[in-house]
């Protein structure tokens, strides 16, 4: 398996939207083969969030010449607030600097990526365990998060032009249901199932620090689902969280022998940060 590129490359930030609820920071890309492409990343849900996180960019994308846009929210509000319309109106001018726009988002960030895909004129997205809506009237199966003051659903913002992948754990029933609804609104997104990957579905990949395969996939011009699934399979042997999630599913289905094997595998492994269920840090 290839290893992720290392090293730091710093780009100067440019504030392009500075609202009370939403911020957007642009990092210009260098001249090169990918210098006319923009990678847009979205903040994910954080427990105990207190205001905006710092604007950061990927050194790997910077080395490839990508421009980068970091979109952040002050609250765990799924980017739905008093700044939503203003940010949406500002995004086309930023995207117009580039010939092609790619999106990457995890959970709440995946919702944000798809919510603003049309405004950005995006051609490609990789989203991991996103929600279709938190409106109980639209997604009555979703009960993991507190109610939002402002609600919306991706059915209003879908487009057949967006290509890419939606990654999710099919054994997380809420994420499976969201993926089905998103598939109707964004038919160009192919489904990549990562069994017992958790929420978001890259938790097992973290056991071998292989989540960078997902970041790589966002930059590609084609879908490389086999590489992601292969990395997920390779990571299982070192992922305590994978075996614990499998054991829990076996218990729910009454498969006692499978549950015993899974718990024994988990007991032989050490926990890895970000692999167990809990917060949604990537």
Protein backbone atom coordinates (compact mmCIF):
# COMPACT_ATOMS: atom_id res chain seq x y z
CA UNK A 1 0.00 0.00 0.00
CA UNK A 2 1.22 3.51 -0.76
CA UNK A 3 2.04 5.83 2.09
CA UNK A 4 0.62 9.30 2.48
CA UNK A 5 2.91 12.17 1.44
CA UNK A 6 4.47 14.08 4.32
CA UNK A 7 5.77 17.56 4.96
CA UNK A 8 4.25 21.02 5.44
CA UNK A 9 3.60 23.64 2.81
CA UNK A 10 2.07 26.85 4.07
CA UNK A 11 -0.22 29.02 1.94
CA UNK A 12 -1.39 32.53 2.79
CA UNK A 13 -5.05 32.79 3.82
CA UNK A 14 -7.55 35.14 2.18
CA UNK A 15 -10.82 35.79 4.01
CA UNK A 16 -13.62 35.70 1.44
CA UNK A 17 -16.63 35.54 3.77
CA UNK A 18 -16.66 36.79 7.36
CA UNK A 19 -20.14 36.44 8.82
CA UNK A 20 -21.31 36.12 12.39
CA UNK A 21 -22.23 32.46 11.77
CA UNK A 22 -20.14 31.31 8.81
CA UNK A 23 -16.57 31.94 7.68
CA UNK A 24 -14.86 31.06 4.39
CA UNK A 25 -11.10 31.27 3.91
CA UNK A 26 -9.36 30.84 0.55
CA UNK A 27 -5.82 29.55 0.03
CA UNK A 28 -4.61 30.18 -3.51
CA UNK A 29 -3.03 27.25 -5.34
CA UNK A 30 0.33 27.34 -7.08
CA UNK A 31 0.84 27.07 -10.84
CA UNK A 32 1.01 23.46 -11.95
CA UNK A 33 -1.00 20.57 -13.40
CA UNK A 34 -3.75 21.03 -10.81
CA UNK A 35 -3.35 24.75 -10.35
CA UNK A 36 -6.78 25.57 -11.79
CA UNK A 37 -8.66 23.25 -9.45
CA UNK A 38 -10.24 24.15 -6.11
CA UNK A 39 -10.72 21.79 -3.18
CA UNK A 40 -13.48 22.90 -0.80
CA UNK A 41 -13.57 21.41 2.69
CA UNK A 42 -16.22 21.82 5.36
CA UNK A 43 -16.00 21.77 9.14
CA UNK A 44 -17.51 18.74 10.84
CA UNK A 45 -19.59 18.50 13.98
CA UNK A 46 -17.62 18.88 17.21
CA UNK A 47 -18.82 18.12 20.73
CA UNK A 48 -18.63 21.25 22.88
CA UNK A 49 -18.00 23.55 19.94
CA UNK A 50 -17.40 27.11 21.09
CA UNK A 51 -17.14 29.35 18.06
CA UNK A 52 -15.13 29.03 14.89
CA UNK A 53 -12.27 26.62 14.45
CA UNK A 54 -9.07 27.86 12.85
CA UNK A 55 -8.82 28.00 9.07
CA UNK A 56 -6.43 25.30 7.89
CA UNK A 57 -5.41 23.78 4.59
CA UNK A 58 -3.89 20.51 3.39
CA UNK A 59 -0.18 20.47 2.57
CA UNK A 60 -0.79 17.53 0.25
CA UNK A 61 -3.34 19.45 -1.81
CA UNK A 62 -1.07 22.50 -1.75
CA UNK A 63 1.85 20.50 -3.17
CA UNK A 64 -0.42 19.36 -6.00
CA UNK A 65 -1.26 22.96 -6.82
CA UNK A 66 -4.88 22.94 -5.66
CA UNK A 67 -6.48 26.08 -4.44
CA UNK A 68 -8.36 25.42 -1.22
CA UNK A 69 -11.44 26.87 0.41
CA UNK A 70 -12.21 26.21 4.08
CA UNK A 71 -15.84 26.77 5.09
CA UNK A 72 -16.56 26.82 8.82
CA UNK A 73 -19.52 27.36 11.12
CA UNK A 74 -19.59 28.78 14.64
CA UNK A 75 -22.19 26.26 15.81
CA UNK A 76 -23.18 22.67 15.12
CA UNK A 77 -25.99 24.01 12.96
CA UNK A 78 -25.35 22.19 9.67
CA UNK A 79 -24.50 25.56 8.05
CA UNK A 80 -28.14 26.62 8.36
CA UNK A 81 -28.31 30.06 9.92
CA UNK A 82 -28.57 33.75 9.15
CA UNK A 83 -25.48 33.66 6.93
CA UNK A 84 -26.49 30.72 4.73
CA UNK A 85 -28.02 32.74 1.89
CA UNK A 86 -25.23 35.34 1.91
CA UNK A 87 -22.50 32.71 1.76
CA UNK A 88 -24.36 30.90 -1.02
CA UNK A 89 -24.46 34.16 -2.99
CA UNK A 90 -20.71 34.76 -2.46
CA UNK A 91 -19.50 31.30 -3.49
CA UNK A 92 -19.94 31.53 -7.29
CA UNK A 93 -17.41 34.38 -7.53
CA UNK A 94 -14.81 32.31 -5.69
CA UNK A 95 -15.49 29.21 -7.77
CA UNK A 96 -15.23 31.28 -10.97
CA UNK A 97 -11.48 31.63 -10.39
CA UNK A 98 -11.12 27.91 -11.11
CA UNK A 99 -11.91 25.51 -13.93
CA UNK A 100 -13.00 22.67 -11.66
CA UNK A 101 -14.28 22.44 -8.08
CA UNK A 102 -14.03 19.38 -5.78
CA UNK A 103 -15.76 18.96 -2.41
CA UNK A 104 -14.88 16.95 0.70
CA UNK A 105 -17.02 16.70 3.82
CA UNK A 106 -17.60 14.43 6.83
CA UNK A 107 -21.02 14.04 8.49
CA UNK A 108 -22.27 17.60 9.05
CA UNK A 109 -19.53 18.73 6.67
CA UNK A 110 -20.86 16.30 4.08
CA UNK A 111 -24.28 17.94 4.38
CA UNK A 112 -22.61 21.33 3.90
CA UNK A 113 -20.72 20.12 0.83
CA UNK A 114 -23.90 18.91 -0.86
CA UNK A 115 -25.93 21.92 0.31
CA UNK A 116 -23.55 24.35 -1.45
CA UNK A 117 -22.54 22.13 -4.39
CA UNK A 118 -24.68 23.99 -6.93
CA UNK A 119 -23.52 27.43 -5.76
CA UNK A 120 -19.92 26.29 -6.21
CA UNK A 121 -20.60 24.68 -9.57
CA UNK A 122 -18.84 21.61 -8.20
CA UNK A 123 -18.07 18.70 -10.50
CA UNK A 124 -16.96 16.18 -7.88
CA UNK A 125 -17.65 15.41 -4.21
CA UNK A 126 -16.59 12.78 -1.71
CA UNK A 127 -18.85 12.84 1.34
CA UNK A 128 -18.65 10.56 4.35
CA UNK A 129 -21.77 9.65 6.35
CA UNK A 130 -23.67 12.87 5.55
CA UNK A 131 -27.23 13.67 6.57
CA UNK A 132 -30.01 14.42 4.09
CA UNK A 133 -31.91 16.51 6.63
CA UNK A 134 -32.38 16.92 10.37
CA UNK A 135 -36.00 17.95 9.91
CA UNK A 136 -38.07 15.28 11.69
CA UNK A 137 -40.76 15.67 9.07
CA UNK A 138 -38.30 14.74 6.32
CA UNK A 139 -36.02 12.32 8.17
CA UNK A 140 -38.07 10.87 11.06
CA UNK A 141 -35.46 8.13 11.52
CA UNK A 142 -32.81 10.63 12.65
CA UNK A 143 -32.71 11.13 16.41
CA UNK A 144 -29.01 11.43 17.18
CA UNK A 145 -28.78 15.23 17.21
CA UNK A 146 -30.57 18.10 18.96
CA UNK A 147 -33.23 19.89 16.87
CA UNK A 148 -31.99 22.75 14.68
CA UNK A 149 -33.42 26.26 14.77
CA UNK A 150 -33.29 26.34 10.95
CA UNK A 151 -33.94 23.24 8.86
CA UNK A 152 -33.46 22.34 5.22
CA UNK A 153 -33.15 19.20 3.16
CA UNK A 154 -30.83 18.27 0.32
CA UNK A 155 -33.72 17.38 -1.94
CA UNK A 156 -34.05 21.10 -2.62
CA UNK A 157 -30.42 21.40 -3.69
CA UNK A 158 -29.78 18.21 -5.60
CA UNK A 159 -28.14 18.06 -9.01
CA UNK A 160 -27.40 15.30 -11.48
CA UNK A 161 -24.19 17.07 -12.53
CA UNK A 162 -22.27 16.25 -9.37
CA UNK A 163 -20.14 13.11 -9.60
CA UNK A 164 -18.24 11.30 -6.86
CA UNK A 165 -18.86 9.03 -3.90
CA UNK A 166 -20.86 8.79 -0.71
CA UNK A 167 -19.16 6.59 1.89
CA UNK A 168 -21.13 5.15 4.79
CA UNK A 169 -21.44 2.22 7.16
CA UNK A 170 -24.52 0.23 6.09
CA UNK A 171 -24.90 -1.07 9.66
CA UNK A 172 -25.59 2.45 10.95
CA UNK A 173 -29.31 2.58 10.10
CA UNK A 174 -29.58 6.37 10.11
CA UNK A 175 -26.64 6.77 7.74
CA UNK A 176 -28.02 4.08 5.44
CA UNK A 177 -31.37 5.89 5.29
CA UNK A 178 -29.73 9.27 4.66
CA UNK A 179 -27.62 7.77 1.87
CA UNK A 180 -30.71 6.42 0.14
CA UNK A 181 -32.36 9.85 0.13
CA UNK A 182 -29.17 11.59 -0.98
CA UNK A 183 -28.82 9.12 -3.84
CA UNK A 184 -32.12 10.31 -5.28
CA UNK A 185 -31.12 13.97 -5.10
CA UNK A 186 -27.56 13.41 -6.33
CA UNK A 187 -27.71 10.40 -8.69
CA UNK A 188 -24.11 10.91 -9.82
CA UNK A 189 -22.75 9.89 -6.42
CA UNK A 190 -21.83 6.21 -6.19
CA UNK A 191 -22.32 4.39 -2.89
CA UNK A 192 -19.25 2.99 -1.13
CA UNK A 193 -20.14 0.73 1.79
CA UNK A 194 -17.63 0.47 4.65
CA UNK A 195 -19.15 -2.13 7.01
CA UNK A 196 -18.58 -1.43 10.71
CA UNK A 197 -16.69 1.74 9.87
CA UNK A 198 -18.91 3.58 12.36
CA UNK A 199 -19.92 7.22 12.15
CA UNK A 200 -18.37 8.79 10.26
CA UNK A 201 -17.49 5.68 8.32
CA UNK A 202 -13.72 6.26 8.30
CA UNK A 203 -13.26 5.24 11.94
CA UNK A 204 -11.82 1.84 11.02
CA UNK A 205 -9.43 3.48 8.55
CA UNK A 206 -8.01 5.56 11.38
CA UNK A 207 -6.63 2.40 13.00
CA UNK A 208 -3.89 2.40 10.36
CA UNK A 209 -3.97 6.14 9.65
CA UNK A 210 -5.35 5.29 6.22
CA UNK A 211 -8.09 7.93 6.13
CA UNK A 212 -5.85 9.81 3.69
CA UNK A 213 -7.18 7.45 0.99
CA UNK A 214 -10.45 9.37 1.27
CA UNK A 215 -8.66 12.71 0.89
CA UNK A 216 -6.91 11.31 -2.18
CA UNK A 217 -10.22 10.16 -3.63
CA UNK A 218 -11.64 13.68 -3.39
CA UNK A 219 -8.83 14.98 -5.63
CA UNK A 220 -9.21 12.34 -8.33
CA UNK A 221 -11.12 12.80 -11.54
CA UNK A 222 -12.58 9.31 -11.23
CA UNK A 223 -13.96 7.05 -8.51
CA UNK A 224 -11.46 4.74 -6.82
CA UNK A 225 -13.80 2.84 -4.53
CA UNK A 226 -11.72 -0.38 -4.69
CA UNK A 227 -8.73 1.34 -3.06
CA UNK A 228 -10.86 2.73 -0.25
CA UNK A 229 -12.58 -0.59 0.36
CA UNK A 230 -9.19 -2.34 0.27
CA UNK A 231 -7.74 0.06 2.83
CA UNK A 232 -10.81 -0.49 4.99
CA UNK A 233 -10.34 -4.28 4.82
CA UNK A 234 -6.65 -3.96 5.68
CA UNK A 235 -7.42 -1.73 8.66
CA UNK A 236 -9.86 -4.19 10.25
CA UNK A 237 -7.14 -6.32 11.80
CA UNK A 238 -5.85 -3.38 13.87
CA UNK A 239 -9.16 -1.65 14.56
CA UNK A 240 -10.57 -2.39 18.00
CA UNK A 241 -13.57 -0.25 17.10
CA UNK A 242 -14.35 -2.40 14.06
CA UNK A 243 -14.56 -5.57 16.16
CA UNK A 244 -16.60 -3.86 18.87
CA UNK A 245 -19.07 -2.56 16.30
CA UNK A 246 -19.26 -6.03 14.74
CA UNK A 247 -19.84 -7.57 18.18
CA UNK A 248 -22.65 -5.12 18.89
CA UNK A 249 -24.35 -5.96 15.60
CA UNK A 250 -23.95 -9.69 16.25
CA UNK A 251 -25.61 -9.23 19.66
CA UNK A 252 -28.52 -7.36 18.10
CA UNK A 253 -29.05 -10.20 15.61
CA UNK A 254 -28.54 -12.97 18.16
CA UNK A 255 -25.33 -14.33 16.58
CA UNK A 256 -23.65 -15.32 19.82
CA UNK A 257 -20.68 -17.19 18.35
CA UNK A 258 -19.78 -14.33 16.01
CA UNK A 259 -20.11 -11.88 18.87
CA UNK A 260 -17.73 -13.94 21.02
CA UNK A 261 -15.13 -14.02 18.24
CA UNK A 262 -15.44 -10.28 17.63
CA UNK A 263 -15.10 -9.42 21.33
CA UNK A 264 -12.03 -11.64 21.60
CA UNK A 265 -10.46 -9.86 18.63
CA UNK A 266 -11.24 -6.47 20.20
CA UNK A 267 -9.74 -7.52 23.53
CA UNK A 268 -6.43 -8.28 21.81
CA UNK A 269 -6.13 -4.78 20.37
CA UNK A 270 -5.35 -1.39 21.82
CA UNK A 271 -7.75 1.50 21.23
CA UNK A 272 -6.80 4.03 18.56
CA UNK A 273 -7.80 7.68 18.79
CA UNK A 274 -10.83 8.38 16.63
CA UNK A 275 -11.66 4.70 16.05
CA UNK A 276 -14.19 4.30 18.88
CA UNK A 277 -17.66 5.83 18.70
CA UNK A 278 -18.04 9.31 20.14
CA UNK A 279 -17.11 12.67 18.61
CA UNK A 280 -16.87 13.18 14.87
CA UNK A 281 -13.31 14.41 14.50
CA UNK A 282 -11.63 13.35 11.27
